[in-house]
Amino acid sequence: MKDDGAMGFIRARGEEQKKIRIQQIVDAAAMLYEEVGYDKVTFSQIGRKLSFSRLNLYNYYHCKEDIFLTLLLQDRWKMVEDAKETFSGAVTDRDEFCLAWASLLLRHQRMLSLFSITNTVILRDASSEMHRRFRMEMSQASDELIALAQKMFPQFTPEQAYNFVECESSYALTLYPASLEYKTSQHIDFFPDVGRGTRDFVSLYVPFLKILLKGLEK
C-alpha cells in the first residue's frame, strides 16, 4: 500500500497487523513518557516517534489519553501476573509478605505513576469508548487480585479480600507520587531538611500494610 504522508508508514491489514501497529504506538508513548513525562507528551510527538502523521495515527487512536490508558492497562495486567507468580500460597510471615508486596509494586512504578493521575488528568479527555473499556478491564484485574488475596489469606471473607485490595491500592497510589523514587525519576526537587523529608516508598508503605492486615483480622 502506498505511503500516505509519513515516511515508513504502511496501514496495517488484518487484525494481527493492527495489533502490532497498536503495540508500536503504545511502546512509542511509553518511551516518550520516560523521556519527558506525561504532560509534555503530545499526540503529534507519538506519531513522529514512529514516522506517522497525525492522520495516520488517527487510524488507531484519536487522542494521547486513549494511548496512555492502553499502556496503563497493559502495566496493570503485568503487575497482576507478577503478583500471581510471586505469591502462590498462603502467607506465613506477615512482615516478609509486606516487604515482598511493596517490592512488587516498585517493580511496576510506571503503573503507579500513571494510575495516580488517571482520574484527575487522563480520563478528562479520553474517549467514552476507551474510558468504558478501561473501567471494565480494571475491574477484571481487581477481581484477579481479590482472588489472589483470598489464596494468600484463606481466613479472609470475600469482603475482607476486597477491602485489602482496595485499601492497599488506594494508599499506594496516594503515597507513590510523594515518594523518593517518584521524585527522583521525575527530577523533582526534594528537601531532606524540611519537615519529615521525602522518604522511600517501602519505609512509608510497609507500616501501613501491617496496620491494614491487623485491622482486617478484627
C-alpha atoms as a PDB file:
ATOM      1  CA  MET A   1       0.000   0.000   0.000  1.00  0.00           C
ATOM      2  CA  LYS A   2       1.313   3.458  -0.838  1.00  0.00           C
ATOM      3  CA  ASP A   3       2.659   5.616   1.974  1.00  0.00           C
ATOM      4  CA  ASP A   4       0.038   8.324   2.609  1.00  0.00           C
ATOM      5  CA  GLY A   5       2.094  11.033   4.245  1.00  0.00           C
ATOM      6  CA  ALA A   6       4.566   9.691   6.787  1.00  0.00           C
ATOM      7  CA  MET A   7       7.824   8.016   5.891  1.00  0.00           C
ATOM      8  CA  GLY A   8       7.760   4.348   6.775  1.00  0.00           C
ATOM      9  CA  PHE A   9       4.023   4.173   7.443  1.00  0.00           C
ATOM     10  CA  ILE A  10       2.017   1.377   5.877  1.00  0.00           C
ATOM     11  CA  ARG A  11      -1.531   0.914   7.093  1.00  0.00           C
ATOM     12  CA  ALA A  12      -1.995  -2.421   8.803  1.00  0.00           C
ATOM     13  CA  ARG A  13      -4.029  -5.056   7.017  1.00  0.00           C
ATOM     14  CA  GLY A  14      -5.735  -7.673   9.134  1.00  0.00           C
ATOM     15  CA  GLU A  15      -6.214  -7.926  12.882  1.00  0.00           C
ATOM     16  CA  GLU A  16      -2.743  -9.281  13.617  1.00  0.00           C
ATOM     17  CA  GLN A  17      -1.012  -6.428  11.802  1.00  0.00           C
ATOM     18  CA  LYS A  18      -3.322  -3.951  13.531  1.00  0.00           C
ATOM     19  CA  LYS A  19      -2.334  -5.351  16.936  1.00  0.00           C
ATOM     20  CA  ILE A  20       1.326  -4.973  16.027  1.00  0.00           C
ATOM     21  CA  ARG A  21       0.798  -1.371  14.928  1.00  0.00           C
ATOM     22  CA  ILE A  22      -1.132  -0.546  18.112  1.00  0.00           C
ATOM     23  CA  GLN A  23       1.659  -2.007  20.227  1.00  0.00           C
ATOM     24  CA  GLN A  24       4.207   0.090  18.348  1.00  0.00           C
ATOM     25  CA  ILE A  25       2.178   3.202  19.174  1.00  0.00           C
ATOM     26  CA  VAL A  26       1.868   2.262  22.848  1.00  0.00           C
ATOM     27  CA  ASP A  27       5.594   1.499  23.051  1.00  0.00           C
ATOM     28  CA  ALA A  28       6.415   4.877  21.496  1.00  0.00           C
ATOM     29  CA  ALA A  29       4.227   6.626  24.072  1.00  0.00           C
ATOM     30  CA  ALA A  30       5.979   4.690  26.842  1.00  0.00           C
ATOM     31  CA  MET A  31       9.396   5.801  25.599  1.00  0.00           C
ATOM     32  CA  LEU A  32       8.320   9.430  25.412  1.00  0.00           C
ATOM     33  CA  TYR A  33       6.822   9.189  28.882  1.00  0.00           C
ATOM     34  CA  GLU A  34      10.171   8.085  30.274  1.00  0.00           C
ATOM     35  CA  GLU A  35      11.968  10.842  28.371  1.00  0.00           C
ATOM     36  CA  VAL A  36       9.797  13.894  29.062  1.00  0.00           C
ATOM     37  CA  GLY A  37       6.912  12.914  31.378  1.00  0.00           C
ATOM     38  CA  TYR A  38       3.176  12.721  30.683  1.00  0.00           C
ATOM     39  CA  ASP A  39       2.427  16.445  30.479  1.00  0.00           C
ATOM     40  CA  LYS A  40       4.965  17.081  27.735  1.00  0.00           C
ATOM     41  CA  VAL A  41       4.000  14.158  25.520  1.00  0.00           C
ATOM     42  CA  THR A  42       1.783  15.191  22.610  1.00  0.00           C
ATOM     43  CA  PHE A  43      -0.230  13.205  20.111  1.00  0.00           C
ATOM     44  CA  SER A  44       1.963  14.517  17.293  1.00  0.00           C
ATOM     45  CA  GLN A  45       5.161  13.550  19.115  1.00  0.00           C
ATOM     46  CA  ILE A  46       3.976   9.971  19.387  1.00  0.00           C
ATOM     47  CA  GLY A  47       3.341   9.933  15.647  1.00  0.00           C
ATOM     48  CA  ARG A  48       6.747  11.436  14.878  1.00  0.00           C
ATOM     49  CA  LYS A  49       8.437   8.827  17.033  1.00  0.00           C
ATOM     50  CA  LEU A  50       7.113   6.255  14.548  1.00  0.00           C
ATOM     51  CA  SER A  51       7.237   8.440  11.431  1.00  0.00           C
ATOM     52  CA  PHE A  52       3.424   8.568  11.435  1.00  0.00           C
ATOM     53  CA  SER A  53       1.477  11.688  10.519  1.00  0.00           C
ATOM     54  CA  ARG A  54      -1.420  12.729  12.782  1.00  0.00           C
ATOM     55  CA  LEU A  55      -3.793  11.433  10.109  1.00  0.00           C
ATOM     56  CA  ASN A  56      -2.063   8.045  10.127  1.00  0.00           C
ATOM     57  CA  LEU A  57      -2.248   7.893  13.906  1.00  0.00           C
ATOM     58  CA  TYR A  58      -5.987   8.630  13.807  1.00  0.00           C
ATOM     59  CA  ASN A  59      -6.469   5.245  12.153  1.00  0.00           C
ATOM     60  CA  TYR A  60      -5.714   3.697  15.554  1.00  0.00           C
ATOM     61  CA  TYR A  61      -6.229   6.330  18.262  1.00  0.00           C
ATOM     62  CA  HIS A  62      -7.896   9.729  18.452  1.00  0.00           C
ATOM     63  CA  CYS A  63      -6.046  11.183  21.442  1.00  0.00           C
ATOM     64  CA  LYS A  64      -2.979  10.606  23.567  1.00  0.00           C
ATOM     65  CA  GLU A  65      -5.172   9.848  26.586  1.00  0.00           C
ATOM     66  CA  ASP A  66      -6.518   6.690  24.954  1.00  0.00           C
ATOM     67  CA  ILE A  67      -2.964   5.571  24.192  1.00  0.00           C
ATOM     68  CA  PHE A  68      -1.892   6.043  27.793  1.00  0.00           C
ATOM     69  CA  LEU A  69      -4.943   4.216  29.109  1.00  0.00           C
ATOM     70  CA  THR A  70      -3.952   1.292  26.894  1.00  0.00           C
ATOM     71  CA  LEU A  71      -0.427   1.468  28.323  1.00  0.00           C
ATOM     72  CA  LEU A  72      -1.763   1.581  31.877  1.00  0.00           C
ATOM     73  CA  LEU A  73      -3.991  -1.437  31.294  1.00  0.00           C
ATOM     74  CA  GLN A  74      -1.012  -3.382  29.974  1.00  0.00           C
ATOM     75  CA  ASP A  75       1.035  -2.361  33.011  1.00  0.00           C
ATOM     76  CA  ARG A  76      -1.773  -3.355  35.384  1.00  0.00           C
ATOM     77  CA  TRP A  77      -2.081  -6.810  33.865  1.00  0.00           C
ATOM     78  CA  LYS A  78       1.693  -7.263  34.080  1.00  0.00           C
ATOM     79  CA  MET A  79       1.505  -6.390  37.770  1.00  0.00           C
ATOM     80  CA  VAL A  80      -1.334  -8.884  38.293  1.00  0.00           C
ATOM     81  CA  GLU A  81       0.629 -11.664  36.594  1.00  0.00           C
ATOM     82  CA  ASP A  82       3.735 -10.752  38.591  1.00  0.00           C
ATOM     83  CA  ALA A  83       1.706 -10.924  41.815  1.00  0.00           C
ATOM     84  CA  LYS A  84       0.276 -14.342  40.919  1.00  0.00           C
ATOM     85  CA  GLU A  85       3.756 -15.680  40.164  1.00  0.00           C
ATOM     86  CA  THR A  86       5.298 -14.168  43.306  1.00  0.00           C
ATOM     87  CA  PHE A  87       2.605 -15.204  45.795  1.00  0.00           C
ATOM     88  CA  SER A  88       1.453 -18.743  45.128  1.00  0.00           C
ATOM     89  CA  GLY A  89       0.247 -19.862  48.549  1.00  0.00           C
ATOM     90  CA  ALA A  90      -0.922 -18.811  51.983  1.00  0.00           C
ATOM     91  CA  VAL A  91       1.138 -16.156  53.763  1.00  0.00           C
ATOM     92  CA  THR A  92       3.016 -17.487  56.791  1.00  0.00           C
ATOM     93  CA  ASP A  93       5.197 -14.490  57.653  1.00  0.00           C
ATOM     94  CA  ARG A  94       3.363 -11.137  57.643  1.00  0.00           C
ATOM     95  CA  ASP A  95       6.479  -8.965  57.870  1.00  0.00           C
ATOM     96  CA  GLU A  96       8.095 -10.798  54.982  1.00  0.00           C
ATOM     97  CA  PHE A  97       4.894 -10.543  52.957  1.00  0.00           C
ATOM     98  CA  CYS A  98       4.592  -6.779  53.480  1.00  0.00           C
ATOM     99  CA  LEU A  99       8.143  -6.209  52.239  1.00  0.00           C
ATOM    100  CA  ALA A 100       7.573  -8.512  49.265  1.00  0.00           C
ATOM    101  CA  TRP A 101       4.300  -6.775  48.319  1.00  0.00           C
ATOM    102  CA  ALA A 102       5.960  -3.362  48.482  1.00  0.00           C
ATOM    103  CA  SER A 103       8.787  -4.682  46.299  1.00  0.00           C
ATOM    104  CA  LEU A 104       6.194  -5.995  43.846  1.00  0.00           C
ATOM    105  CA  LEU A 105       4.693  -2.526  43.483  1.00  0.00           C
ATOM    106  CA  LEU A 106       8.117  -0.958  42.979  1.00  0.00           C
ATOM    107  CA  ARG A 107       8.673  -3.291  40.039  1.00  0.00           C
ATOM    108  CA  HIS A 108       5.725  -1.528  38.398  1.00  0.00           C
ATOM    109  CA  GLN A 109       6.429   2.127  39.088  1.00  0.00           C
ATOM    110  CA  ARG A 110       5.079   3.391  35.767  1.00  0.00           C
ATOM    111  CA  MET A 111       1.745   1.790  36.624  1.00  0.00           C
ATOM    112  CA  LEU A 112       1.695   3.613  39.974  1.00  0.00           C
ATOM    113  CA  SER A 113       2.693   6.882  38.348  1.00  0.00           C
ATOM    114  CA  LEU A 114       0.039   6.768  35.617  1.00  0.00           C
ATOM    115  CA  PHE A 115      -2.597   5.453  38.000  1.00  0.00           C
ATOM    116  CA  SER A 116      -2.089   8.447  40.270  1.00  0.00           C
ATOM    117  CA  ILE A 117      -3.218  10.862  37.522  1.00  0.00           C
ATOM    118  CA  THR A 118      -5.851   8.714  35.821  1.00  0.00           C
ATOM    119  CA  ASN A 119      -8.980  10.219  37.369  1.00  0.00           C
ATOM    120  CA  THR A 120      -7.723  13.786  37.701  1.00  0.00           C
ATOM    121  CA  VAL A 121      -5.973  14.138  34.327  1.00  0.00           C
ATOM    122  CA  ILE A 122      -6.127  11.296  31.807  1.00  0.00           C
ATOM    123  CA  LEU A 123      -9.826  10.400  31.907  1.00  0.00           C
ATOM    124  CA  ARG A 124     -10.945  14.007  31.444  1.00  0.00           C
ATOM    125  CA  ASP A 125     -10.057  13.913  27.744  1.00  0.00           C
ATOM    126  CA  ALA A 126     -10.218  10.204  26.990  1.00  0.00           C
ATOM    127  CA  SER A 127     -12.860   8.890  24.602  1.00  0.00           C
ATOM    128  CA  SER A 128     -16.013   7.377  26.113  1.00  0.00           C
ATOM    129  CA  GLU A 129     -15.283   4.087  24.385  1.00  0.00           C
ATOM    130  CA  MET A 130     -11.784   3.832  25.852  1.00  0.00           C
ATOM    131  CA  HIS A 131     -12.980   5.021  29.257  1.00  0.00           C
ATOM    132  CA  ARG A 132     -15.560   2.239  29.332  1.00  0.00           C
ATOM    133  CA  ARG A 133     -13.020  -0.381  28.240  1.00  0.00           C
ATOM    134  CA  PHE A 134     -10.588   0.863  30.880  1.00  0.00           C
ATOM    135  CA  ARG A 135     -13.157   0.533  33.666  1.00  0.00           C
ATOM    136  CA  MET A 136     -14.165  -2.947  32.559  1.00  0.00           C
ATOM    137  CA  GLU A 137     -10.612  -4.279  32.343  1.00  0.00           C
ATOM    138  CA  MET A 138      -9.597  -2.627  35.595  1.00  0.00           C
ATOM    139  CA  SER A 139     -12.492  -4.372  37.302  1.00  0.00           C
ATOM    140  CA  GLN A 140     -11.377  -7.702  35.846  1.00  0.00           C
ATOM    141  CA  ALA A 141      -7.804  -7.136  37.020  1.00  0.00           C
ATOM    142  CA  SER A 142      -9.029  -6.215  40.501  1.00  0.00           C
ATOM    143  CA  ASP A 143     -11.130  -9.380  40.634  1.00  0.00           C
ATOM    144  CA  GLU A 144      -7.993 -11.438  39.980  1.00  0.00           C
ATOM    145  CA  LEU A 145      -6.136  -9.643  42.769  1.00  0.00           C
ATOM    146  CA  ILE A 146      -9.062 -10.207  45.133  1.00  0.00           C
ATOM    147  CA  ALA A 147      -8.997 -13.919  44.306  1.00  0.00           C
ATOM    148  CA  LEU A 148      -5.245 -13.913  44.964  1.00  0.00           C
ATOM    149  CA  ALA A 149      -5.783 -12.165  48.310  1.00  0.00           C
ATOM    150  CA  GLN A 150      -8.108 -14.975  49.378  1.00  0.00           C
ATOM    151  CA  LYS A 151      -5.423 -17.528  48.492  1.00  0.00           C
ATOM    152  CA  MET A 152      -2.784 -15.595  50.412  1.00  0.00           C
ATOM    153  CA  PHE A 153      -5.103 -15.117  53.397  1.00  0.00           C
ATOM    154  CA  PRO A 154      -7.529 -18.070  53.461  1.00  0.00           C
ATOM    155  CA  GLN A 155      -9.166 -16.722  56.607  1.00  0.00           C
ATOM    156  CA  PHE A 156     -10.375 -13.619  54.747  1.00  0.00           C
ATOM    157  CA  THR A 157     -14.012 -13.360  53.796  1.00  0.00           C
ATOM    158  CA  PRO A 158     -14.713 -12.129  50.239  1.00  0.00           C
ATOM    159  CA  GLU A 159     -15.408  -8.694  51.713  1.00  0.00           C
ATOM    160  CA  GLN A 160     -12.105  -8.645  53.585  1.00  0.00           C
ATOM    161  CA  ALA A 161     -10.200  -9.673  50.458  1.00  0.00           C
ATOM    162  CA  TYR A 162     -11.942  -6.897  48.521  1.00  0.00           C
ATOM    163  CA  ASN A 163     -11.120  -4.350  51.221  1.00  0.00           C
ATOM    164  CA  PHE A 164      -7.482  -5.436  51.253  1.00  0.00           C
ATOM    165  CA  VAL A 165      -7.072  -4.822  47.522  1.00  0.00           C
ATOM    166  CA  GLU A 166      -8.999  -1.546  47.584  1.00  0.00           C
ATOM    167  CA  CYS A 167      -7.176  -0.126  50.606  1.00  0.00           C
ATOM    168  CA  GLU A 168      -3.643  -1.173  49.714  1.00  0.00           C
ATOM    169  CA  SER A 169      -4.073   0.120  46.166  1.00  0.00           C
ATOM    170  CA  SER A 170      -5.556   3.425  47.276  1.00  0.00           C
ATOM    171  CA  TYR A 171      -2.759   4.073  49.741  1.00  0.00           C
ATOM    172  CA  ALA A 172      -0.043   3.066  47.282  1.00  0.00           C
ATOM    173  CA  LEU A 173      -1.419   5.434  44.638  1.00  0.00           C
ATOM    174  CA  THR A 174      -1.588   8.267  47.163  1.00  0.00           C
ATOM    175  CA  LEU A 175       1.859   7.617  48.573  1.00  0.00           C
ATOM    176  CA  TYR A 176       3.917   6.891  45.464  1.00  0.00           C
ATOM    177  CA  PRO A 177       3.837  10.418  43.925  1.00  0.00           C
ATOM    178  CA  ALA A 178       5.262  11.758  47.205  1.00  0.00           C
ATOM    179  CA  SER A 179       7.993   9.123  47.419  1.00  0.00           C
ATOM    180  CA  LEU A 180      11.712   9.472  46.868  1.00  0.00           C
ATOM    181  CA  GLU A 181      11.533   7.075  43.906  1.00  0.00           C
ATOM    182  CA  TYR A 182       8.938   9.124  42.033  1.00  0.00           C
ATOM    183  CA  LYS A 183      10.559  12.487  42.677  1.00  0.00           C
ATOM    184  CA  THR A 184      13.931  11.136  41.609  1.00  0.00           C
ATOM    185  CA  SER A 185      12.549   9.661  38.381  1.00  0.00           C
ATOM    186  CA  GLN A 186      10.699  12.889  37.547  1.00  0.00           C
ATOM    187  CA  HIS A 187      13.609  15.163  38.513  1.00  0.00           C
ATOM    188  CA  ILE A 188      11.549  16.877  41.224  1.00  0.00           C
ATOM    189  CA  ASP A 189      13.443  18.659  43.986  1.00  0.00           C
ATOM    190  CA  PHE A 190      13.145  17.277  47.492  1.00  0.00           C
ATOM    191  CA  PHE A 191      14.410  18.831  50.707  1.00  0.00           C
ATOM    192  CA  PRO A 192      15.605  16.414  53.416  1.00  0.00           C
ATOM    193  CA  ASP A 193      15.855  19.235  55.960  1.00  0.00           C
ATOM    194  CA  VAL A 194      12.217  20.352  55.628  1.00  0.00           C
ATOM    195  CA  GLY A 195       9.518  18.729  57.753  1.00  0.00           C
ATOM    196  CA  ARG A 196       9.884  14.949  57.833  1.00  0.00           C
ATOM    197  CA  GLY A 197      11.643  14.955  54.486  1.00  0.00           C
ATOM    198  CA  THR A 198      10.935  12.827  51.420  1.00  0.00           C
ATOM    199  CA  ARG A 199      11.149   9.132  52.232  1.00  0.00           C
ATOM    200  CA  ASP A 200      11.420   5.996  50.154  1.00  0.00           C
ATOM    201  CA  PHE A 201       8.243   4.158  49.215  1.00  0.00           C
ATOM    202  CA  VAL A 202       8.905   0.975  51.185  1.00  0.00           C
ATOM    203  CA  SER A 203       9.549   2.693  54.527  1.00  0.00           C
ATOM    204  CA  LEU A 204       6.223   4.534  54.245  1.00  0.00           C
ATOM    205  CA  TYR A 205       4.111   1.791  52.717  1.00  0.00           C
ATOM    206  CA  VAL A 206       5.084  -1.275  54.754  1.00  0.00           C
ATOM    207  CA  PRO A 207       3.897   0.058  58.161  1.00  0.00           C
ATOM    208  CA  PHE A 208       0.513   0.890  56.615  1.00  0.00           C
ATOM    209  CA  LEU A 209       0.216  -2.587  55.129  1.00  0.00           C
ATOM    210  CA  LYS A 210       0.879  -4.151  58.533  1.00  0.00           C
ATOM    211  CA  ILE A 211      -1.799  -1.974  60.137  1.00  0.00           C
ATOM    212  CA  LEU A 212      -4.236  -2.822  57.331  1.00  0.00           C
ATOM    213  CA  LEU A 213      -3.759  -6.563  57.759  1.00  0.00           C
ATOM    214  CA  LYS A 214      -4.143  -6.295  61.519  1.00  0.00           C
ATOM    215  CA  GLY A 215      -7.311  -4.241  61.136  1.00  0.00           C
ATOM    216  CA  LEU A 216      -8.878  -6.654  58.656  1.00  0.00           C
ATOM    217  CA  GLU A 217      -8.407  -9.556  61.052  1.00  0.00           C
ATOM    218  CA  LYS A 218     -10.505  -7.959  63.804  1.00  0.00           C
END
